[in-house]
Amino acid sequence: MGATNKKQECAVCGAPKSIDGSALSQCKQCSMVVYCGEEHRNFDWKRHKPLCKTATVCVSTLLTQAVQTIKFLKKSTSEKIPRKRLLPMNCRHSQLIDHFTNPVFTISLHDHLKILAANGLAIHQQQAVALHLKCIADHAIKCLNDYGWAIIDNFLGQNRCSHIHREMNYLYNSGVFKPGQLMETRMDSNSQNIRSDEVYWFDSNDERVSVAMTVRLLVSMIDSIIVHFNGRIPYEINGRSRAMLAIYPSNGTHYVKHIDNPMKDGRCITAIYYCNQNWDVEKDGGCFRLFPETSGVPLDIEPRADRLLLLWSDRRNPHEVRPVYRDRYAITVWYFDTSEKLAAMAKKHKQNMVDEKVENKQQLQQSILLNNEQKLQQSRLSSSDSFAKRESDILSSHDNISSHFNIFHPTVSSTQQSPSPPSLRTTFGTEQIIKHGNASKA
């Protein structure tokens, strides 16, 4: 039967939401029906049980077909094959495994609908999509736990993949892309020598990206896969980064071998979606070269259209992007482990506090030095003014003394001689004698 579009509602009462106002909860076994609460789930189990078991068998058949249609990856042609491989984290005695036996999931949503119809399951479009995403999640979880990475081909369909390519090209031509930056900048390294892609961190609030509706759909579909991971992988995921849209121009751009999360910043899963139609690695280059720690040789993964790649973000999966000779399009999303992200945030906050204290101390020291310099300058100016004042006072005193001396001792010519003190005294005595003599005559 053809799939029909139908709004999700409780299978018992038809309510669009749960009693507490939250979203409806799916059947834990098949994800094909939803309920407003546990009571209606239990009430409807007898009716739903046959359909649920049939759907479970169908999922098993689907996964078997996916494994049977494996397209194994080719071994890397790199001449530099590492002789020593690191072992997985927290596993000292792990042995190398053959990563070329890791299957690629290839069943598209269209093929899935055919299988459901062949098994007599009449479900609407949303239920079919939910079941398909659950199949993908089951496959990805197994591959991640066994190999550390997983590949899903035909993820959205070629039509939607082409839409994403056009949307990215439109955004690139609008000028929103910037050169890719490094998480940790090294003093002796030029970021352009390490990575030469151009990126845009997708911001849904940016008016310029309103046309990128298919990119939004892609991120939502990946989210719908990741929600099945909790409890089945050694991480608790409750958040992700913004989608990073990356374009490698066709002039030999590359990204050297690196690890996404070497510093325990919270990222645990890297999800990469490619939309490169008719990609030829031999001619176009740009393969994703993976160096799993449990593999003796690197793996080359083609960035072909409508391919989704999932891998652990830590030191278990070093990787690189080989030189690109045709514009290469990719979208990457990172998912965070709760405990590691909180620890990273606390560490960053602590470091910011230390940096702030150091900065405040430096500012205080600079302020003290500046204040001391100002005081020293003022002291020098004050000393200079005081010296000038004392010099002025001395000159003023000298002028006063000179003026007083000129009043009481007028200047005489060099040809005249001033009377000596004895002459003055003799004259004084003569005058007194004359006066005394005149008096006696009288």
Protein backbone atom coordinates (compact mmCIF):
# COMPACT_ATOMS: atom_id res chain seq x y z
CA MET A 1 0.00 0.00 0.00
CA GLY A 2 1.09 3.53 -0.63
CA ALA A 3 2.23 5.55 2.31
CA THR A 4 0.00 8.39 3.39
CA ASN A 5 0.81 11.54 5.33
CA LYS A 6 -0.93 11.61 8.69
CA LYS A 7 -0.45 13.71 11.80
CA GLN A 8 0.88 11.71 14.75
CA GLU A 9 -1.58 11.11 17.58
CA CYS A 10 -2.10 8.66 20.42
CA ALA A 11 -3.10 5.24 19.05
CA VAL A 12 -5.80 4.93 21.74
CA CYS A 13 -7.35 8.35 22.36
CA GLY A 14 -6.04 10.38 19.42
CA ALA A 15 -4.41 13.03 21.63
CA PRO A 16 -1.71 15.09 19.84
CA LYS A 17 0.38 15.41 23.03
CA SER A 18 1.01 13.61 26.29
CA ILE A 19 -1.04 14.35 29.40
CA ASP A 20 1.71 16.61 30.79
CA GLY A 21 1.98 18.49 27.50
CA SER A 22 5.18 16.81 26.33
CA ALA A 23 5.65 14.99 23.02
CA LEU A 24 4.05 11.60 22.44
CA SER A 25 6.19 8.55 23.22
CA GLN A 26 6.86 5.84 20.62
CA CYS A 27 6.58 2.10 21.02
CA LYS A 28 9.95 0.99 22.37
CA GLN A 29 10.04 -2.07 20.11
CA CYS A 30 9.10 -0.82 16.64
CA SER A 31 8.69 2.99 16.91
CA MET A 32 5.67 2.71 14.59
CA VAL A 33 2.95 3.94 16.96
CA VAL A 34 2.83 6.61 19.66
CA TYR A 35 0.96 7.02 22.94
CA CYS A 36 0.08 9.84 25.30
CA GLY A 37 1.14 7.84 28.34
CA GLU A 38 2.18 4.50 29.80
CA GLU A 39 -1.41 3.59 30.63
CA HIS A 40 -2.56 3.71 27.00
CA ARG A 41 0.62 1.93 25.91
CA ASN A 42 -0.19 -1.03 28.18
CA PHE A 43 -3.88 -0.93 27.23
CA ASP A 44 -3.10 -1.15 23.49
CA TRP A 45 -0.39 -3.81 23.74
CA LYS A 46 -2.66 -6.78 23.01
CA ARG A 47 -3.86 -5.18 19.76
CA HIS A 48 -0.46 -3.81 18.74
CA LYS A 49 1.62 -6.89 19.62
CA PRO A 50 1.18 -8.80 16.28
CA LEU A 51 2.08 -5.71 14.22
CA CYS A 52 5.03 -4.95 16.49
CA LYS A 53 6.48 -8.46 16.09
CA THR A 54 6.02 -8.34 12.31
CA ALA A 55 7.81 -5.00 12.17
CA THR A 56 10.66 -6.37 14.30
CA VAL A 57 11.09 -9.31 11.92
CA CYS A 58 11.02 -6.87 9.03
CA VAL A 59 13.79 -4.83 10.62
CA SER A 60 15.87 -7.96 11.04
CA THR A 61 15.33 -8.83 7.36
CA LEU A 62 16.24 -5.30 6.36
CA LEU A 63 19.51 -5.39 8.27
CA THR A 64 20.35 -8.78 6.76
CA GLN A 65 19.81 -7.39 3.28
CA ALA A 66 21.98 -4.40 4.14
CA VAL A 67 24.83 -6.70 5.14
CA GLN A 68 24.39 -8.74 1.96
CA THR A 69 24.73 -5.61 -0.19
CA ILE A 70 28.05 -4.55 1.30
CA LYS A 71 30.43 -2.48 -0.77
CA PHE A 72 33.74 -3.00 0.95
CA LEU A 73 36.18 -0.16 1.14
CA LYS A 74 39.47 -0.28 -0.68
CA LYS A 75 42.74 -0.35 1.16
CA SER A 76 44.71 2.85 1.14
CA THR A 77 47.30 3.18 -1.60
CA SER A 78 49.48 5.27 0.68
CA GLU A 79 53.13 4.21 0.68
CA LYS A 80 53.52 5.36 4.25
CA ILE A 81 51.76 2.70 6.27
CA PRO A 82 52.29 3.10 10.00
CA ARG A 83 54.20 0.24 11.59
CA LYS A 84 52.91 0.87 15.07
CA ARG A 85 49.29 1.48 15.93
CA LEU A 86 47.92 2.93 19.11
CA LEU A 87 45.38 0.92 21.04
CA PRO A 88 41.88 2.06 21.93
CA MET A 89 41.38 4.20 24.99
CA ASN A 90 41.18 2.29 28.29
CA CYS A 91 42.13 -0.95 26.52
CA ARG A 92 45.77 -1.93 26.87
CA HIS A 93 45.61 -5.42 25.40
CA SER A 94 43.30 -4.89 22.41
CA GLN A 95 44.27 -6.69 19.20
CA LEU A 96 44.21 -5.38 15.67
CA ILE A 97 41.06 -6.22 13.71
CA ASP A 98 40.18 -6.27 10.02
CA HIS A 99 38.27 -3.04 9.39
CA PHE A 100 37.56 -3.97 5.78
CA THR A 101 34.85 -6.33 7.00
CA ASN A 102 32.82 -3.41 8.38
CA PRO A 103 29.57 -3.39 6.34
CA VAL A 104 28.08 -0.33 4.67
CA PHE A 105 24.35 0.27 5.17
CA THR A 106 22.84 0.79 1.69
CA ILE A 107 19.06 0.41 2.04
CA SER A 108 17.29 3.63 1.05
CA LEU A 109 13.97 4.84 2.43
CA HIS A 110 12.32 3.94 -0.89
CA ASP A 111 13.60 0.36 -0.66
CA HIS A 112 12.48 0.24 2.96
CA LEU A 113 8.92 1.18 1.98
CA LYS A 114 8.91 -1.62 -0.59
CA ILE A 115 9.99 -4.15 2.03
CA LEU A 116 7.31 -2.96 4.44
CA ALA A 117 4.65 -3.22 1.74
CA ALA A 118 5.86 -6.71 0.80
CA ASN A 119 5.38 -7.75 4.42
CA GLY A 120 1.83 -6.37 4.50
CA LEU A 121 2.58 -3.41 6.79
CA ALA A 122 0.30 -0.48 5.99
CA ILE A 123 1.90 2.47 7.80
CA HIS A 124 2.02 6.16 7.02
CA GLN A 125 5.06 8.14 5.93
CA GLN A 126 6.17 9.34 9.37
CA GLN A 127 6.08 5.82 10.80
CA ALA A 128 8.08 4.50 7.85
CA VAL A 129 10.72 7.20 8.27
CA ALA A 130 10.93 6.54 12.03
CA LEU A 131 11.37 2.81 11.46
CA HIS A 132 13.99 3.41 8.77
CA LEU A 133 15.98 5.72 11.04
CA LYS A 134 15.82 3.11 13.81
CA CYS A 135 17.28 0.52 11.41
CA ILE A 136 20.09 2.93 10.57
CA ALA A 137 20.69 3.61 14.27
CA ASP A 138 20.89 -0.11 15.06
CA HIS A 139 23.43 -0.60 12.27
CA ALA A 140 25.48 2.45 13.30
CA ILE A 141 25.57 1.46 16.98
CA LYS A 142 26.85 -2.02 16.16
CA CYS A 143 29.53 -0.70 13.80
CA LEU A 144 30.66 1.99 16.23
CA ASN A 145 30.98 -0.48 19.08
CA ASP A 146 32.77 -3.05 16.91
CA TYR A 147 34.94 -0.87 14.67
CA GLY A 148 34.68 2.71 15.90
CA TRP A 149 33.08 4.04 12.70
CA ALA A 150 30.03 3.44 10.49
CA ILE A 151 28.90 4.30 6.95
CA ILE A 152 25.33 4.81 5.74
CA ASP A 153 24.76 5.28 2.01
CA ASN A 154 21.55 6.59 0.38
CA PHE A 155 20.78 8.47 3.58
CA LEU A 156 18.41 11.18 2.27
CA GLY A 157 18.00 10.21 -1.36
CA GLN A 158 19.64 11.73 -4.42
CA ASN A 159 17.00 14.42 -4.87
CA ARG A 160 17.49 15.90 -1.40
CA CYS A 161 21.24 15.45 -1.68
CA SER A 162 21.22 17.60 -4.82
CA HIS A 163 19.19 20.24 -2.98
CA ILE A 164 21.82 20.37 -0.22
CA HIS A 165 24.58 20.78 -2.79
CA ARG A 166 22.75 23.71 -4.40
CA GLU A 167 22.04 25.32 -1.02
CA MET A 168 25.69 25.08 0.03
CA ASN A 169 26.79 26.49 -3.31
CA TYR A 170 24.37 29.40 -2.90
CA LEU A 171 25.68 30.18 0.59
CA TYR A 172 29.27 29.94 -0.64
CA ASN A 173 28.61 32.42 -3.44
CA SER A 174 26.89 34.77 -0.97
CA GLY A 175 30.18 35.16 0.92
CA VAL A 176 29.34 33.62 4.31
CA PHE A 177 32.17 31.07 4.20
CA LYS A 178 35.47 31.84 5.95
CA PRO A 179 38.84 30.03 6.08
CA GLY A 180 38.76 27.09 8.50
CA GLN A 181 40.38 27.70 11.89
CA LEU A 182 42.18 25.38 14.28
CA MET A 183 40.78 24.52 17.71
CA GLU A 184 44.27 24.79 19.24
CA THR A 185 46.59 27.24 17.49
CA ARG A 186 50.26 26.29 17.65
CA MET A 187 52.86 29.05 17.68
CA ASP A 188 55.02 27.38 15.02
CA SER A 189 52.15 26.46 12.69
CA ASN A 190 50.26 28.30 9.98
CA SER A 191 46.62 27.18 9.95
CA GLN A 192 46.58 27.34 6.14
CA ASN A 193 49.32 24.70 6.07
CA ILE A 194 47.21 22.42 8.27
CA ARG A 195 43.76 22.95 6.79
CA SER A 196 42.78 24.94 3.71
CA ASP A 197 39.03 24.46 3.58
CA GLU A 198 36.42 27.22 3.89
CA VAL A 199 33.63 26.80 6.42
CA TYR A 200 30.37 28.30 7.64
CA TRP A 201 28.87 27.47 11.04
CA PHE A 202 25.19 27.11 10.27
CA ASP A 203 23.16 29.66 12.25
CA SER A 204 19.40 29.24 11.98
CA ASN A 205 18.94 32.85 13.12
CA ASP A 206 20.97 34.15 10.19
CA GLU A 207 18.56 35.53 7.58
CA ARG A 208 20.98 34.59 4.82
CA VAL A 209 20.44 30.85 5.42
CA SER A 210 16.65 30.93 5.22
CA VAL A 211 16.88 29.18 1.84
CA ALA A 212 18.81 26.21 3.28
CA MET A 213 15.76 24.18 4.29
CA THR A 214 17.24 20.84 3.21
CA VAL A 215 20.32 21.42 5.38
CA ARG A 216 17.98 21.84 8.35
CA LEU A 217 16.24 18.59 7.40
CA LEU A 218 19.58 16.77 7.24
CA VAL A 219 20.58 17.86 10.76
CA SER A 220 17.15 16.86 12.06
CA MET A 221 17.46 13.41 10.48
CA ILE A 222 20.89 12.85 12.03
CA ASP A 223 19.49 13.93 15.40
CA SER A 224 16.73 11.34 14.98
CA ILE A 225 19.38 8.63 14.64
CA ILE A 226 21.46 9.77 17.60
CA VAL A 227 18.47 9.70 20.00
CA HIS A 228 18.58 5.90 19.79
CA PHE A 229 22.21 5.80 20.97
CA ASN A 230 21.81 6.55 24.67
CA GLY A 231 22.12 3.42 26.77
CA ARG A 232 23.74 1.50 23.91
CA ILE A 233 27.09 3.29 23.66
CA PRO A 234 29.52 4.31 26.44
CA TYR A 235 28.33 7.93 26.31
CA GLU A 236 25.30 9.95 27.35
CA ILE A 237 24.48 12.38 24.57
CA ASN A 238 22.29 15.40 25.21
CA GLY A 239 23.67 18.08 22.90
CA ARG A 240 25.53 18.83 19.70
CA SER A 241 27.43 21.56 17.90
CA ARG A 242 26.12 23.70 15.09
CA ALA A 243 26.46 22.14 11.67
CA MET A 244 29.75 23.06 10.03
CA LEU A 245 29.40 23.45 6.27
CA ALA A 246 32.80 22.94 4.63
CA ILE A 247 33.94 23.37 1.03
CA TYR A 248 37.40 22.39 -0.18
CA PRO A 249 38.21 24.40 -3.34
CA SER A 250 39.70 22.46 -6.23
CA ASN A 251 43.29 23.72 -5.97
CA GLY A 252 44.88 21.01 -3.86
CA THR A 253 43.23 22.03 -0.58
CA HIS A 254 43.55 19.51 2.24
CA TYR A 255 43.42 18.85 5.97
CA VAL A 256 46.45 17.15 7.50
CA LYS A 257 46.18 14.17 9.84
CA HIS A 258 44.49 15.18 13.09
CA ILE A 259 42.13 14.14 15.88
CA ASP A 260 38.83 15.95 16.32
CA ASN A 261 38.86 15.83 20.12
CA PRO A 262 42.36 15.38 21.55
CA MET A 263 41.71 17.63 24.58
CA LYS A 264 38.52 16.02 25.99
CA ASP A 265 36.30 18.95 25.05
CA GLY A 266 33.12 16.84 25.16
CA ARG A 267 32.79 15.73 21.53
CA CYS A 268 32.24 11.97 21.33
CA ILE A 269 30.69 11.35 17.88
CA THR A 270 31.56 13.01 14.57
CA ALA A 271 28.87 12.87 11.87
CA ILE A 272 29.88 13.84 8.31
CA TYR A 273 27.51 14.04 5.33
CA TYR A 274 28.78 14.28 1.75
CA CYS A 275 26.96 15.64 -1.31
CA ASN A 276 29.49 15.25 -4.14
CA GLN A 277 27.84 13.82 -7.23
CA ASN A 278 29.83 11.41 -9.43
CA TRP A 279 32.96 11.68 -7.32
CA ASP A 280 36.06 9.94 -8.72
CA VAL A 281 38.84 9.59 -6.14
CA GLU A 282 41.44 8.74 -8.78
CA LYS A 283 40.80 12.01 -10.60
CA ASP A 284 39.24 14.29 -7.96
CA GLY A 285 41.25 13.18 -4.91
CA GLY A 286 39.81 14.36 -1.59
CA CYS A 287 39.26 10.97 0.04
CA PHE A 288 38.75 10.77 3.80
CA ARG A 289 41.73 8.74 5.03
CA LEU A 290 41.00 7.07 8.38
CA PHE A 291 43.69 5.66 10.70
CA PRO A 292 41.77 3.49 13.22
CA GLU A 293 43.88 2.56 16.22
CA THR A 294 42.82 -1.07 15.88
CA SER A 295 43.75 -1.29 12.20
CA GLY A 296 47.16 -2.13 10.81
CA VAL A 297 46.56 -0.03 7.68
CA PRO A 298 44.67 3.21 6.94
CA LEU A 299 41.32 3.21 5.15
CA ASP A 300 40.27 5.46 2.27
CA ILE A 301 36.60 6.49 2.36
CA GLU A 302 35.18 8.17 -0.74
CA PRO A 303 33.20 11.40 -0.13
CA ARG A 304 30.46 10.23 -2.47
CA ALA A 305 27.02 11.83 -2.66
CA ASP A 306 24.39 11.02 0.00
CA ARG A 307 26.89 9.23 2.27
CA LEU A 308 26.80 9.64 6.07
CA LEU A 309 29.93 8.78 8.05
CA LEU A 310 29.88 8.36 11.84
CA LEU A 311 32.98 7.87 13.99
CA TRP A 312 34.28 8.30 17.52
CA SER A 313 35.77 11.79 17.86
CA ASP A 314 38.67 10.91 20.18
CA ARG A 315 42.18 9.55 19.63
CA ARG A 316 40.85 6.21 18.35
CA ASN A 317 40.20 7.73 14.91
CA PRO A 318 42.94 10.01 13.55
CA HIS A 319 42.08 11.06 10.01
CA GLU A 320 42.96 13.43 7.18
CA VAL A 321 41.51 14.85 3.96
CA ARG A 322 43.73 14.16 0.99
CA PRO A 323 44.43 16.95 -1.56
CA VAL A 324 41.30 17.97 -3.46
CA TYR A 325 41.19 18.71 -7.20
CA ARG A 326 37.45 19.31 -7.52
CA ASP A 327 35.23 21.35 -5.22
CA ARG A 328 34.38 19.06 -2.31
CA TYR A 329 31.25 19.58 -0.16
CA ALA A 330 30.67 18.20 3.35
CA ILE A 331 28.57 18.95 6.44
CA THR A 332 29.85 17.96 9.90
CA VAL A 333 28.03 17.81 13.24
CA TRP A 334 29.61 16.87 16.58
CA TYR A 335 27.64 15.29 19.42
CA PHE A 336 28.63 15.86 23.06
CA ASP A 337 28.95 13.48 25.98
CA THR A 338 27.26 15.06 29.01
CA SER A 339 29.86 14.36 31.70
CA GLU A 340 32.88 15.17 29.52
CA LYS A 341 31.26 18.38 28.27
CA LEU A 342 30.49 19.53 31.82
CA ALA A 343 34.05 18.72 32.89
CA ALA A 344 35.41 20.65 29.90
CA MET A 345 33.20 23.63 30.71
CA ALA A 346 34.32 23.57 34.36
CA LYS A 347 37.96 23.35 33.28
CA LYS A 348 37.50 26.24 30.87
CA HIS A 349 35.75 28.31 33.54
CA LYS A 350 38.60 27.62 35.96
CA GLN A 351 41.16 28.55 33.33
CA ASN A 352 39.23 31.73 32.56
CA MET A 353 39.28 32.60 36.27
CA VAL A 354 43.05 32.07 36.38
CA ASP A 355 43.53 34.10 33.21
CA GLU A 356 41.34 36.85 34.63
CA LYS A 357 43.39 36.94 37.86
CA VAL A 358 46.62 37.08 35.89
CA GLU A 359 45.21 39.83 33.70
CA ASN A 360 44.00 41.80 36.74
CA LYS A 361 47.41 41.39 38.39
CA GLN A 362 49.15 42.62 35.26
CA GLN A 363 46.79 45.57 35.02
CA LEU A 364 47.43 46.40 38.69
CA GLN A 365 51.18 46.21 38.18
CA GLN A 366 50.94 48.42 35.12
CA SER A 367 48.79 50.88 37.08
CA ILE A 368 51.32 50.96 39.93
CA LEU A 369 54.20 51.48 37.52
CA LEU A 370 52.33 54.24 35.74
CA ASN A 371 51.45 55.89 39.05
CA ASN A 372 55.07 55.69 40.20
CA GLU A 373 56.26 57.18 36.93
CA GLN A 374 53.78 60.02 37.29
CA LYS A 375 54.92 60.67 40.87
CA LEU A 376 58.56 60.61 39.81
CA GLN A 377 57.83 63.02 36.99
CA GLN A 378 55.95 65.32 39.35
CA SER A 379 58.82 65.12 41.84
CA ARG A 380 61.29 66.05 39.13
CA LEU A 381 59.14 68.96 38.04
CA SER A 382 58.71 70.08 41.66
CA SER A 383 62.47 69.89 42.28
CA SER A 384 63.14 71.87 39.13
CA ASP A 385 60.61 74.53 40.14
CA SER A 386 62.07 74.71 43.67
CA PHE A 387 65.61 75.08 42.33
CA ALA A 388 64.48 77.80 39.94
CA LYS A 389 62.69 79.58 42.80
CA ARG A 390 65.76 79.41 45.04
CA GLU A 391 67.91 80.70 42.23
CA SER A 392 65.45 83.51 41.64
CA ASP A 393 65.43 84.35 45.36
CA ILE A 394 69.21 84.44 45.44
CA LEU A 395 69.36 86.74 42.46
CA SER A 396 66.66 88.92 43.97
CA SER A 397 68.56 89.13 47.27
CA HIS A 398 71.74 90.04 45.45
CA ASP A 399 69.92 92.80 43.59
CA ASN A 400 68.51 94.18 46.87
CA ILE A 401 71.93 94.19 48.51
CA SER A 402 73.40 95.96 45.53
CA SER A 403 70.68 98.60 45.56
CA HIS A 404 71.13 99.26 49.29
CA PHE A 405 74.87 99.52 48.89
CA ASN A 406 74.47 102.05 46.09
CA ILE A 407 72.20 104.23 48.28
CA PHE A 408 74.54 104.52 51.29
CA HIS A 409 77.78 104.39 49.31
CA PRO A 410 77.42 106.31 46.07
CA THR A 411 79.88 105.50 43.40
CA VAL A 412 82.89 107.89 43.19
CA SER A 413 85.19 108.52 40.37
CA SER A 414 88.53 106.91 40.26
CA THR A 415 90.30 110.35 40.43
CA GLN A 416 88.75 111.27 43.80
CA GLN A 417 89.69 109.81 47.09
CA SER A 418 87.16 109.44 49.83
CA PRO A 419 88.17 110.77 53.23
CA SER A 420 89.64 108.20 55.52
CA PRO A 421 88.05 107.49 58.88
CA PRO A 422 90.86 109.19 60.85
CA SER A 423 90.28 112.46 58.96
CA LEU A 424 86.66 112.28 59.86
CA ARG A 425 87.51 111.78 63.47
CA THR A 426 90.07 114.63 63.39
CA THR A 427 87.57 116.98 61.84
CA PHE A 428 85.00 116.02 64.42
CA GLY A 429 87.51 116.72 67.17
CA THR A 430 88.48 120.10 65.72
CA GLU A 431 84.90 121.20 65.50
CA GLN A 432 84.38 120.26 69.08
CA ILE A 433 87.51 122.15 70.18
CA ILE A 434 86.49 125.28 68.30
CA LYS A 435 83.08 125.25 69.83
CA HIS A 436 84.54 124.68 73.25
CA GLY A 437 87.05 127.52 72.75
CA ASN A 438 84.40 129.98 71.72
CA ALA A 439 82.42 129.13 74.72
CA SER A 440 85.29 129.83 77.07
CA LYS A 441 85.91 133.21 75.46
CA ALA A 442 82.41 134.13 75.97
